[in-house]
Amino acid sequence: MEVLSRSGLRFDVVRPGIDEVPPVPMPPIRYVQWAAEAKARAVAKRVRNALVVGADTEVVLDGKVFGKPMDRLHARRMLRALSGRTHVVYTAIHVIDAASGDTTHGYSRTRVTLRRLSDRQIDAYVRTGEVQDKAGAYAIQARGRSLVSKIEGPFDNVVGMPMHLLRRLLREYGVSLPPKPEK
């Protein structure tokens, strides 16, 4: 939401209230797409005359979806597994015009390599509290950036909202976002 807030787009956050367990086992990229669509459809049923944007971001290592840590111990295990390795972050976006039922969707992919982390570094990071509610147990937009040695692909995808993709999808509905600010 941090990325969306800076976009100039007016929006409301509506929690979808869904169970994010798929009805059948599926490959990671399909899971991310399924979850984004399920979130968008759940919200679209409750609103009118709005574009509903559902998104899901997942960290994938060796074909396994990491999800969000259940607790600090789980976060430590995740970070140990990611330490010194390259993983993929997928974010899928599904847009529904609640009035017409029209949909569009897409996904973005970023490769992220974490530095080799000692148990002490992992414990210190877990104590920051940033691991809560974060896929893969790190927040790249905050202190978690120090854990990363390399990023290949869109940074904002890892944050959870690839704006290049959202811009493209919203343009299909005649919605233009302000251009990306220059750094």
N, C-alpha and C. Protein backbone atom coordinates (compact mmCIF):
# COMPACT_ATOMS: atom_id res chain seq x y z
N MET A 1 0.82 -1.19 0.00
CA MET A 1 0.00 0.00 0.00
C MET A 1 0.86 1.25 0.00
N GLU A 2 2.07 1.10 0.53
CA GLU A 2 3.01 2.21 0.54
C GLU A 2 3.28 2.70 -0.89
N VAL A 3 3.50 1.77 -1.80
CA VAL A 3 3.77 2.12 -3.20
C VAL A 3 2.53 2.76 -3.81
N LEU A 4 1.36 2.21 -3.56
CA LEU A 4 0.12 2.78 -4.10
C LEU A 4 -0.14 4.17 -3.56
N SER A 5 0.15 4.40 -2.30
CA SER A 5 -0.08 5.72 -1.70
C SER A 5 0.70 6.80 -2.42
N ARG A 6 1.89 6.47 -2.89
CA ARG A 6 2.73 7.45 -3.59
C ARG A 6 2.35 7.61 -5.06
N SER A 7 1.42 6.79 -5.54
CA SER A 7 1.09 6.78 -6.98
C SER A 7 0.16 7.91 -7.40
N GLY A 8 -0.52 8.54 -6.46
CA GLY A 8 -1.51 9.55 -6.81
C GLY A 8 -2.88 8.95 -7.07
N LEU A 9 -3.00 7.65 -6.98
CA LEU A 9 -4.25 6.95 -7.21
C LEU A 9 -5.09 7.00 -5.93
N ARG A 10 -6.37 7.32 -6.09
CA ARG A 10 -7.29 7.30 -4.95
C ARG A 10 -7.81 5.88 -4.80
N PHE A 11 -7.72 5.35 -3.59
CA PHE A 11 -8.16 3.97 -3.40
C PHE A 11 -8.60 3.73 -1.96
N ASP A 12 -9.40 2.70 -1.80
CA ASP A 12 -9.79 2.21 -0.48
C ASP A 12 -9.28 0.79 -0.36
N VAL A 13 -8.88 0.42 0.83
CA VAL A 13 -8.43 -0.95 1.08
C VAL A 13 -9.62 -1.73 1.63
N VAL A 14 -9.94 -2.83 0.98
CA VAL A 14 -11.02 -3.70 1.43
C VAL A 14 -10.41 -5.09 1.60
N ARG A 15 -10.44 -5.59 2.79
CA ARG A 15 -9.89 -6.93 3.04
C ARG A 15 -10.79 -7.97 2.39
N PRO A 16 -10.21 -8.89 1.63
CA PRO A 16 -11.05 -9.86 0.92
C PRO A 16 -11.67 -10.92 1.83
N GLY A 17 -11.04 -11.20 2.96
CA GLY A 17 -11.60 -12.20 3.87
C GLY A 17 -11.70 -13.58 3.27
N ILE A 18 -10.68 -13.99 2.55
CA ILE A 18 -10.70 -15.32 1.93
C ILE A 18 -9.66 -16.23 2.57
N ASP A 19 -9.87 -17.52 2.38
CA ASP A 19 -8.88 -18.51 2.77
C ASP A 19 -7.92 -18.63 1.59
N GLU A 20 -6.64 -18.38 1.81
CA GLU A 20 -5.69 -18.39 0.70
C GLU A 20 -5.12 -19.77 0.39
N VAL A 21 -5.86 -20.80 0.76
CA VAL A 21 -5.44 -22.16 0.43
C VAL A 21 -6.15 -22.55 -0.86
N PRO A 22 -5.38 -22.89 -1.91
CA PRO A 22 -6.02 -23.21 -3.19
C PRO A 22 -6.82 -24.50 -3.11
N PRO A 23 -7.83 -24.63 -3.98
CA PRO A 23 -8.67 -25.83 -3.97
C PRO A 23 -7.92 -27.09 -4.39
N VAL A 24 -6.86 -26.90 -5.18
CA VAL A 24 -6.03 -28.03 -5.63
C VAL A 24 -4.57 -27.58 -5.62
N PRO A 25 -3.64 -28.52 -5.49
CA PRO A 25 -2.22 -28.13 -5.57
C PRO A 25 -1.91 -27.52 -6.94
N MET A 26 -1.04 -26.52 -6.95
CA MET A 26 -0.69 -25.86 -8.21
C MET A 26 0.73 -25.31 -8.14
N PRO A 27 1.35 -25.10 -9.30
CA PRO A 27 2.70 -24.53 -9.32
C PRO A 27 2.70 -23.12 -8.73
N PRO A 28 3.83 -22.65 -8.22
CA PRO A 28 3.88 -21.34 -7.56
C PRO A 28 3.32 -20.18 -8.38
N ILE A 29 3.69 -20.06 -9.65
CA ILE A 29 3.19 -18.92 -10.43
C ILE A 29 1.68 -19.00 -10.59
N ARG A 30 1.15 -20.17 -10.77
CA ARG A 30 -0.31 -20.33 -10.86
C ARG A 30 -0.97 -19.99 -9.53
N TYR A 31 -0.34 -20.38 -8.42
CA TYR A 31 -0.89 -20.06 -7.10
C TYR A 31 -1.00 -18.55 -6.90
N VAL A 32 0.04 -17.82 -7.25
CA VAL A 32 0.03 -16.36 -7.07
C VAL A 32 -1.09 -15.74 -7.91
N GLN A 33 -1.26 -16.23 -9.13
CA GLN A 33 -2.34 -15.72 -9.98
C GLN A 33 -3.71 -16.08 -9.41
N TRP A 34 -3.84 -17.30 -8.92
CA TRP A 34 -5.10 -17.74 -8.32
C TRP A 34 -5.45 -16.87 -7.10
N ALA A 35 -4.46 -16.62 -6.24
CA ALA A 35 -4.71 -15.84 -5.02
C ALA A 35 -5.11 -14.40 -5.35
N ALA A 36 -4.44 -13.77 -6.32
CA ALA A 36 -4.79 -12.40 -6.72
C ALA A 36 -6.21 -12.35 -7.26
N GLU A 37 -6.57 -13.32 -8.09
CA GLU A 37 -7.92 -13.36 -8.64
C GLU A 37 -8.95 -13.62 -7.55
N ALA A 38 -8.67 -14.54 -6.64
CA ALA A 38 -9.62 -14.86 -5.56
C ALA A 38 -9.87 -13.62 -4.69
N LYS A 39 -8.82 -12.88 -4.39
CA LYS A 39 -8.97 -11.65 -3.59
C LYS A 39 -9.82 -10.63 -4.34
N ALA A 40 -9.51 -10.42 -5.62
CA ALA A 40 -10.27 -9.43 -6.40
C ALA A 40 -11.74 -9.83 -6.52
N ARG A 41 -12.00 -11.09 -6.79
CA ARG A 41 -13.40 -11.54 -6.94
C ARG A 41 -14.18 -11.41 -5.62
N ALA A 42 -13.53 -11.72 -4.51
CA ALA A 42 -14.20 -11.60 -3.21
C ALA A 42 -14.61 -10.16 -2.93
N VAL A 43 -13.74 -9.22 -3.25
CA VAL A 43 -14.05 -7.81 -3.02
C VAL A 43 -15.06 -7.30 -4.05
N ALA A 44 -14.92 -7.70 -5.31
CA ALA A 44 -15.82 -7.23 -6.37
C ALA A 44 -17.28 -7.59 -6.08
N LYS A 45 -17.50 -8.67 -5.36
CA LYS A 45 -18.87 -9.06 -4.99
C LYS A 45 -19.49 -8.07 -4.01
N ARG A 46 -18.65 -7.29 -3.31
CA ARG A 46 -19.15 -6.41 -2.25
C ARG A 46 -19.15 -4.93 -2.63
N VAL A 47 -18.68 -4.58 -3.82
CA VAL A 47 -18.63 -3.17 -4.21
C VAL A 47 -19.33 -2.98 -5.55
N ARG A 48 -19.63 -1.70 -5.86
CA ARG A 48 -20.24 -1.37 -7.15
C ARG A 48 -19.44 -0.26 -7.81
N ASN A 49 -19.53 -0.23 -9.12
CA ASN A 49 -18.93 0.87 -9.87
C ASN A 49 -17.52 1.21 -9.42
N ALA A 50 -16.71 0.20 -9.30
CA ALA A 50 -15.32 0.42 -8.91
C ALA A 50 -14.43 -0.56 -9.66
N LEU A 51 -13.20 -0.15 -9.84
CA LEU A 51 -12.20 -1.09 -10.32
C LEU A 51 -11.59 -1.72 -9.09
N VAL A 52 -11.60 -3.02 -9.05
CA VAL A 52 -11.05 -3.75 -7.90
C VAL A 52 -9.71 -4.34 -8.32
N VAL A 53 -8.71 -4.08 -7.51
CA VAL A 53 -7.37 -4.59 -7.77
C VAL A 53 -7.03 -5.60 -6.68
N GLY A 54 -6.84 -6.84 -7.08
CA GLY A 54 -6.39 -7.87 -6.16
C GLY A 54 -4.94 -8.19 -6.48
N ALA A 55 -4.12 -8.33 -5.47
CA ALA A 55 -2.70 -8.63 -5.70
C ALA A 55 -2.23 -9.66 -4.69
N ASP A 56 -1.26 -10.43 -5.11
CA ASP A 56 -0.62 -11.38 -4.21
C ASP A 56 0.86 -11.45 -4.54
N THR A 57 1.68 -11.45 -3.51
CA THR A 57 3.13 -11.53 -3.68
C THR A 57 3.64 -12.73 -2.91
N GLU A 58 4.47 -13.51 -3.55
CA GLU A 58 5.04 -14.69 -2.90
C GLU A 58 6.53 -14.82 -3.22
N VAL A 59 7.25 -15.34 -2.26
CA VAL A 59 8.66 -15.68 -2.40
C VAL A 59 8.73 -17.17 -2.72
N VAL A 60 9.50 -17.52 -3.75
CA VAL A 60 9.61 -18.92 -4.18
C VAL A 60 11.08 -19.31 -4.23
N LEU A 61 11.41 -20.38 -3.53
CA LEU A 61 12.77 -20.93 -3.54
C LEU A 61 12.66 -22.42 -3.83
N ASP A 62 13.39 -22.87 -4.83
CA ASP A 62 13.39 -24.29 -5.21
C ASP A 62 11.98 -24.82 -5.45
N GLY A 63 11.12 -23.99 -6.06
CA GLY A 63 9.76 -24.40 -6.38
C GLY A 63 8.80 -24.39 -5.21
N LYS A 64 9.25 -23.93 -4.05
CA LYS A 64 8.40 -23.91 -2.85
C LYS A 64 7.99 -22.48 -2.52
N VAL A 65 6.69 -22.26 -2.32
CA VAL A 65 6.17 -20.96 -1.92
C VAL A 65 6.40 -20.77 -0.43
N PHE A 66 7.06 -19.67 -0.07
CA PHE A 66 7.37 -19.43 1.33
C PHE A 66 6.24 -18.78 2.12
N GLY A 67 5.45 -17.94 1.50
CA GLY A 67 4.36 -17.30 2.22
C GLY A 67 4.85 -16.38 3.32
N LYS A 68 3.97 -16.10 4.28
CA LYS A 68 4.30 -15.23 5.41
C LYS A 68 4.60 -16.10 6.62
N PRO A 69 5.55 -15.68 7.43
CA PRO A 69 5.89 -16.51 8.60
C PRO A 69 4.75 -16.56 9.62
N MET A 70 4.58 -17.72 10.22
CA MET A 70 3.54 -17.89 11.24
C MET A 70 3.96 -17.26 12.56
N ASP A 71 5.27 -17.25 12.81
CA ASP A 71 5.81 -16.69 14.05
C ASP A 71 7.30 -16.41 13.84
N ARG A 72 7.98 -15.96 14.90
CA ARG A 72 9.40 -15.60 14.77
C ARG A 72 10.29 -16.80 14.45
N LEU A 73 9.97 -17.94 15.01
CA LEU A 73 10.75 -19.15 14.74
C LEU A 73 10.64 -19.52 13.25
N HIS A 74 9.43 -19.45 12.73
CA HIS A 74 9.20 -19.72 11.32
C HIS A 74 9.96 -18.71 10.45
N ALA A 75 9.96 -17.44 10.86
CA ALA A 75 10.69 -16.40 10.13
C ALA A 75 12.19 -16.71 10.10
N ARG A 76 12.72 -17.14 11.23
CA ARG A 76 14.15 -17.51 11.28
C ARG A 76 14.46 -18.64 10.30
N ARG A 77 13.59 -19.65 10.29
CA ARG A 77 13.80 -20.78 9.37
C ARG A 77 13.77 -20.32 7.91
N MET A 78 12.83 -19.44 7.60
CA MET A 78 12.74 -18.92 6.23
C MET A 78 14.01 -18.18 5.85
N LEU A 79 14.45 -17.28 6.72
CA LEU A 79 15.64 -16.48 6.41
C LEU A 79 16.89 -17.34 6.31
N ARG A 80 16.98 -18.38 7.14
CA ARG A 80 18.12 -19.31 7.03
C ARG A 80 18.12 -20.00 5.67
N ALA A 81 16.94 -20.41 5.22
CA ALA A 81 16.83 -21.09 3.92
C ALA A 81 17.19 -20.14 2.77
N LEU A 82 16.82 -18.87 2.89
CA LEU A 82 17.08 -17.89 1.83
C LEU A 82 18.51 -17.35 1.86
N SER A 83 19.17 -17.47 3.00
CA SER A 83 20.52 -16.92 3.19
C SER A 83 21.50 -17.40 2.13
N GLY A 84 22.15 -16.44 1.45
CA GLY A 84 23.16 -16.77 0.46
C GLY A 84 22.62 -17.35 -0.83
N ARG A 85 21.32 -17.32 -1.01
CA ARG A 85 20.69 -17.96 -2.18
C ARG A 85 19.85 -16.96 -2.97
N THR A 86 19.59 -17.34 -4.20
CA THR A 86 18.73 -16.54 -5.07
C THR A 86 17.34 -17.17 -5.10
N HIS A 87 16.34 -16.34 -4.88
CA HIS A 87 14.96 -16.79 -4.96
C HIS A 87 14.20 -15.88 -5.93
N VAL A 88 12.98 -16.25 -6.22
CA VAL A 88 12.14 -15.48 -7.13
C VAL A 88 10.97 -14.91 -6.35
N VAL A 89 10.65 -13.64 -6.62
CA VAL A 89 9.46 -13.02 -6.04
C VAL A 89 8.49 -12.78 -7.19
N TYR A 90 7.30 -13.34 -7.04
CA TYR A 90 6.23 -13.15 -8.02
C TYR A 90 5.15 -12.28 -7.38
N THR A 91 4.65 -11.31 -8.14
CA THR A 91 3.45 -10.59 -7.74
C THR A 91 2.47 -10.68 -8.90
N ALA A 92 1.29 -11.16 -8.62
CA ALA A 92 0.22 -11.20 -9.62
C ALA A 92 -0.79 -10.12 -9.26
N ILE A 93 -1.33 -9.49 -10.29
CA ILE A 93 -2.38 -8.48 -10.12
C ILE A 93 -3.56 -8.90 -10.98
N HIS A 94 -4.75 -8.82 -10.39
CA HIS A 94 -5.99 -9.14 -11.10
C HIS A 94 -6.92 -7.94 -10.90
N VAL A 95 -7.37 -7.35 -12.01
CA VAL A 95 -8.26 -6.18 -11.96
C VAL A 95 -9.63 -6.59 -12.47
N ILE A 96 -10.65 -6.20 -11.72
CA ILE A 96 -12.04 -6.48 -12.12
C ILE A 96 -12.82 -5.17 -12.11
N ASP A 97 -13.54 -4.91 -13.18
CA ASP A 97 -14.49 -3.81 -13.20
C ASP A 97 -15.76 -4.36 -12.56
N ALA A 98 -16.03 -3.94 -11.33
CA ALA A 98 -17.16 -4.52 -10.57
C ALA A 98 -18.49 -4.27 -11.27
N ALA A 99 -18.60 -3.20 -12.03
CA ALA A 99 -19.87 -2.89 -12.71
C ALA A 99 -20.12 -3.83 -13.89
N SER A 100 -19.10 -4.08 -14.69
CA SER A 100 -19.29 -4.88 -15.91
C SER A 100 -18.84 -6.33 -15.77
N GLY A 101 -17.97 -6.59 -14.80
CA GLY A 101 -17.43 -7.93 -14.65
C GLY A 101 -16.20 -8.19 -15.51
N ASP A 102 -15.80 -7.20 -16.33
CA ASP A 102 -14.60 -7.36 -17.16
C ASP A 102 -13.37 -7.52 -16.28
N THR A 103 -12.43 -8.33 -16.74
CA THR A 103 -11.21 -8.56 -15.96
C THR A 103 -9.97 -8.46 -16.85
N THR A 104 -8.87 -8.19 -16.21
CA THR A 104 -7.55 -8.26 -16.83
C THR A 104 -6.56 -8.64 -15.74
N HIS A 105 -5.44 -9.19 -16.14
CA HIS A 105 -4.49 -9.64 -15.13
C HIS A 105 -3.10 -9.77 -15.71
N GLY A 106 -2.13 -9.91 -14.82
CA GLY A 106 -0.75 -10.12 -15.23
C GLY A 106 0.09 -10.41 -14.01
N TYR A 107 1.37 -10.66 -14.25
CA TYR A 107 2.27 -10.87 -13.11
C TYR A 107 3.65 -10.33 -13.43
N SER A 108 4.41 -10.12 -12.37
CA SER A 108 5.77 -9.62 -12.49
C SER A 108 6.69 -10.56 -11.71
N ARG A 109 7.94 -10.60 -12.15
CA ARG A 109 8.91 -11.53 -11.56
C ARG A 109 10.21 -10.79 -11.28
N THR A 110 10.77 -11.02 -10.11
CA THR A 110 12.06 -10.43 -9.73
C THR A 110 12.90 -11.50 -9.05
N ARG A 111 14.17 -11.56 -9.43
CA ARG A 111 15.11 -12.47 -8.76
C ARG A 111 15.84 -11.68 -7.68
N VAL A 112 15.88 -12.23 -6.49
CA VAL A 112 16.52 -11.57 -5.35
C VAL A 112 17.52 -12.53 -4.73
N THR A 113 18.72 -12.03 -4.46
CA THR A 113 19.73 -12.83 -3.78
C THR A 113 20.00 -12.21 -2.42
N LEU A 114 19.88 -13.01 -1.38
CA LEU A 114 20.22 -12.53 -0.04
C LEU A 114 21.70 -12.78 0.22
N ARG A 115 22.28 -11.91 1.02
CA ARG A 115 23.66 -12.12 1.47
C ARG A 115 23.69 -13.38 2.33
N ARG A 116 24.85 -13.93 2.53
CA ARG A 116 24.99 -15.04 3.47
C ARG A 116 24.85 -14.43 4.87
N LEU A 117 23.86 -14.89 5.61
CA LEU A 117 23.53 -14.30 6.92
C LEU A 117 23.90 -15.24 8.05
N SER A 118 24.49 -14.68 9.09
CA SER A 118 24.79 -15.48 10.28
C SER A 118 23.51 -15.60 11.11
N ASP A 119 23.48 -16.56 12.01
CA ASP A 119 22.32 -16.69 12.90
C ASP A 119 22.13 -15.41 13.71
N ARG A 120 23.21 -14.78 14.06
CA ARG A 120 23.14 -13.53 14.84
C ARG A 120 22.46 -12.42 14.02
N GLN A 121 22.83 -12.31 12.75
CA GLN A 121 22.20 -11.31 11.88
C GLN A 121 20.72 -11.61 11.68
N ILE A 122 20.40 -12.87 11.50
CA ILE A 122 19.00 -13.27 11.33
C ILE A 122 18.21 -12.94 12.59
N ASP A 123 18.73 -13.30 13.74
CA ASP A 123 18.04 -13.01 15.01
C ASP A 123 17.83 -11.51 15.19
N ALA A 124 18.85 -10.71 14.88
CA ALA A 124 18.74 -9.26 15.02
C ALA A 124 17.65 -8.72 14.09
N TYR A 125 17.60 -9.22 12.87
CA TYR A 125 16.58 -8.75 11.94
C TYR A 125 15.19 -9.18 12.38
N VAL A 126 15.05 -10.41 12.83
CA VAL A 126 13.74 -10.89 13.29
C VAL A 126 13.24 -10.02 14.45
N ARG A 127 14.15 -9.60 15.32
CA ARG A 127 13.76 -8.74 16.46
C ARG A 127 13.23 -7.37 16.03
N THR A 128 13.52 -6.93 14.80
CA THR A 128 13.00 -5.64 14.34
C THR A 128 11.49 -5.67 14.17
N GLY A 129 10.92 -6.86 14.04
CA GLY A 129 9.47 -6.98 13.83
C GLY A 129 9.05 -6.87 12.38
N GLU A 130 9.99 -6.58 11.49
CA GLU A 130 9.64 -6.44 10.07
C GLU A 130 9.20 -7.74 9.42
N VAL A 131 9.49 -8.85 10.04
CA VAL A 131 9.19 -10.15 9.43
C VAL A 131 7.70 -10.47 9.41
N GLN A 132 6.94 -9.82 10.28
CA GLN A 132 5.51 -10.10 10.36
C GLN A 132 4.80 -9.68 9.09
N ASP A 133 3.94 -10.52 8.58
CA ASP A 133 3.09 -10.22 7.44
C ASP A 133 3.87 -9.92 6.16
N LYS A 134 5.08 -10.48 6.04
CA LYS A 134 5.89 -10.28 4.84
C LYS A 134 6.23 -11.62 4.20
N ALA A 135 5.93 -11.75 2.92
CA ALA A 135 6.30 -12.97 2.20
C ALA A 135 7.81 -13.14 2.28
N GLY A 136 8.25 -14.32 2.66
CA GLY A 136 9.68 -14.59 2.78
C GLY A 136 10.32 -14.04 4.03
N ALA A 137 9.55 -13.38 4.88
CA ALA A 137 10.01 -12.86 6.18
C ALA A 137 10.99 -11.69 6.08
N TYR A 138 10.91 -10.91 4.99
CA TYR A 138 11.73 -9.70 4.95
C TYR A 138 11.01 -8.57 4.22
N ALA A 139 11.33 -7.35 4.62
CA ALA A 139 10.75 -6.15 4.01
C ALA A 139 11.86 -5.40 3.28
N ILE A 140 11.93 -5.58 1.98
CA ILE A 140 13.02 -4.99 1.20
C ILE A 140 12.98 -3.47 1.20
N GLN A 141 11.81 -2.89 1.44
CA GLN A 141 11.67 -1.44 1.42
C GLN A 141 12.11 -0.80 2.74
N ALA A 142 12.51 -1.60 3.69
CA ALA A 142 12.93 -1.07 5.00
C ALA A 142 14.29 -1.68 5.37
N ARG A 143 14.43 -2.08 6.62
CA ARG A 143 15.72 -2.64 7.08
C ARG A 143 16.12 -3.91 6.34
N GLY A 144 15.14 -4.62 5.84
CA GLY A 144 15.42 -5.85 5.11
C GLY A 144 16.27 -5.65 3.87
N ARG A 145 16.35 -4.41 3.39
CA ARG A 145 17.20 -4.11 2.22
C ARG A 145 18.65 -4.50 2.50
N SER A 146 19.07 -4.38 3.76
CA SER A 146 20.47 -4.70 4.11
C SER A 146 20.77 -6.20 3.99
N LEU A 147 19.74 -7.03 3.90
CA LEU A 147 19.93 -8.47 3.77
C LEU A 147 20.21 -8.88 2.32
N VAL A 148 19.91 -7.97 1.39
CA VAL A 148 19.93 -8.29 -0.03
C VAL A 148 21.26 -7.92 -0.68
N SER A 149 21.79 -8.84 -1.48
CA SER A 149 23.03 -8.53 -2.21
C SER A 149 22.77 -8.21 -3.68
N LYS A 150 21.64 -8.69 -4.23
CA LYS A 150 21.40 -8.47 -5.66
C LYS A 150 19.90 -8.54 -5.96
N ILE A 151 19.46 -7.64 -6.84
CA ILE A 151 18.07 -7.63 -7.30
C ILE A 151 18.09 -7.59 -8.83
N GLU A 152 17.37 -8.51 -9.45
CA GLU A 152 17.25 -8.54 -10.91
C GLU A 152 15.77 -8.46 -11.25
N GLY A 153 15.33 -7.28 -11.62
CA GLY A 153 13.93 -7.06 -11.94
C GLY A 153 13.38 -5.91 -11.14
N PRO A 154 12.08 -5.66 -11.26
CA PRO A 154 11.47 -4.50 -10.60
C PRO A 154 11.52 -4.59 -9.07
N PHE A 155 12.08 -3.54 -8.46
CA PHE A 155 12.15 -3.44 -7.00
C PHE A 155 10.75 -3.42 -6.40
N ASP A 156 9.84 -2.62 -7.00
CA ASP A 156 8.50 -2.49 -6.42
C ASP A 156 7.70 -3.78 -6.51
N ASN A 157 8.12 -4.71 -7.35
CA ASN A 157 7.51 -6.03 -7.36
C ASN A 157 7.78 -6.74 -6.04
N VAL A 158 8.98 -6.61 -5.53
CA VAL A 158 9.35 -7.26 -4.27
C VAL A 158 8.61 -6.61 -3.11
N VAL A 159 8.33 -5.32 -3.22
CA VAL A 159 7.56 -4.61 -2.20
C VAL A 159 6.10 -5.07 -2.22
N GLY A 160 5.63 -5.53 -3.39
CA GLY A 160 4.28 -6.07 -3.45
C GLY A 160 3.34 -5.40 -4.43
N MET A 161 3.82 -4.37 -5.16
CA MET A 161 2.96 -3.74 -6.14
C MET A 161 3.80 -3.22 -7.31
N PRO A 162 3.98 -4.06 -8.32
CA PRO A 162 4.76 -3.63 -9.49
C PRO A 162 3.99 -2.58 -10.29
N MET A 163 4.39 -1.33 -10.13
CA MET A 163 3.63 -0.23 -10.72
C MET A 163 3.62 -0.26 -12.24
N HIS A 164 4.68 -0.76 -12.88
CA HIS A 164 4.68 -0.86 -14.34
C HIS A 164 3.53 -1.75 -14.80
N LEU A 165 3.29 -2.83 -14.08
CA LEU A 165 2.22 -3.75 -14.42
C LEU A 165 0.86 -3.14 -14.09
N LEU A 166 0.72 -2.53 -12.93
CA LEU A 166 -0.55 -1.91 -12.56
C LEU A 166 -0.92 -0.81 -13.56
N ARG A 167 0.05 0.02 -13.96
CA ARG A 167 -0.20 1.07 -14.96
C ARG A 167 -0.77 0.45 -16.25
N ARG A 168 -0.12 -0.60 -16.72
CA ARG A 168 -0.56 -1.25 -17.96
C ARG A 168 -1.98 -1.80 -17.83
N LEU A 169 -2.27 -2.46 -16.71
CA LEU A 169 -3.59 -3.06 -16.52
C LEU A 169 -4.68 -1.99 -16.38
N LEU A 170 -4.40 -0.93 -15.64
CA LEU A 170 -5.40 0.13 -15.45
C LEU A 170 -5.64 0.92 -16.74
N ARG A 171 -4.62 1.04 -17.58
CA ARG A 171 -4.80 1.73 -18.87
C ARG A 171 -5.88 1.05 -19.71
N GLU A 172 -6.03 -0.26 -19.54
CA GLU A 172 -7.08 -0.98 -20.28
C GLU A 172 -8.47 -0.48 -19.92
N TYR A 173 -8.60 0.18 -18.76
CA TYR A 173 -9.88 0.73 -18.30
C TYR A 173 -9.90 2.25 -18.42
N GLY A 174 -8.91 2.81 -19.11
CA GLY A 174 -8.86 4.26 -19.29
C GLY A 174 -8.34 5.03 -18.10
N VAL A 175 -7.72 4.35 -17.16
CA VAL A 175 -7.17 5.01 -15.97
C VAL A 175 -5.67 5.20 -16.18
N SER A 176 -5.24 6.46 -16.05
CA SER A 176 -3.81 6.76 -16.19
C SER A 176 -3.25 7.17 -14.85
N LEU A 177 -2.12 6.61 -14.52
CA LEU A 177 -1.41 7.01 -13.31
C LEU A 177 -0.37 8.04 -13.70
N PRO A 178 -0.03 8.93 -12.76
CA PRO A 178 1.05 9.87 -13.06
C PRO A 178 2.32 9.10 -13.42
N PRO A 179 3.18 9.69 -14.26
CA PRO A 179 4.41 8.99 -14.62
C PRO A 179 5.26 8.70 -13.39
N LYS A 180 6.09 7.69 -13.55
CA LYS A 180 6.99 7.29 -12.47
C LYS A 180 7.90 8.48 -12.14
N PRO A 181 7.99 8.86 -10.85
CA PRO A 181 8.84 9.99 -10.49
C PRO A 181 10.31 9.67 -10.77
N GLU A 182 11.03 10.68 -11.25
CA GLU A 182 12.46 10.47 -11.51
C GLU A 182 13.23 10.56 -10.22
N LYS A 183 14.33 9.78 -10.16
CA LYS A 183 15.13 9.74 -8.94
C LYS A 183 16.26 10.71 -9.03
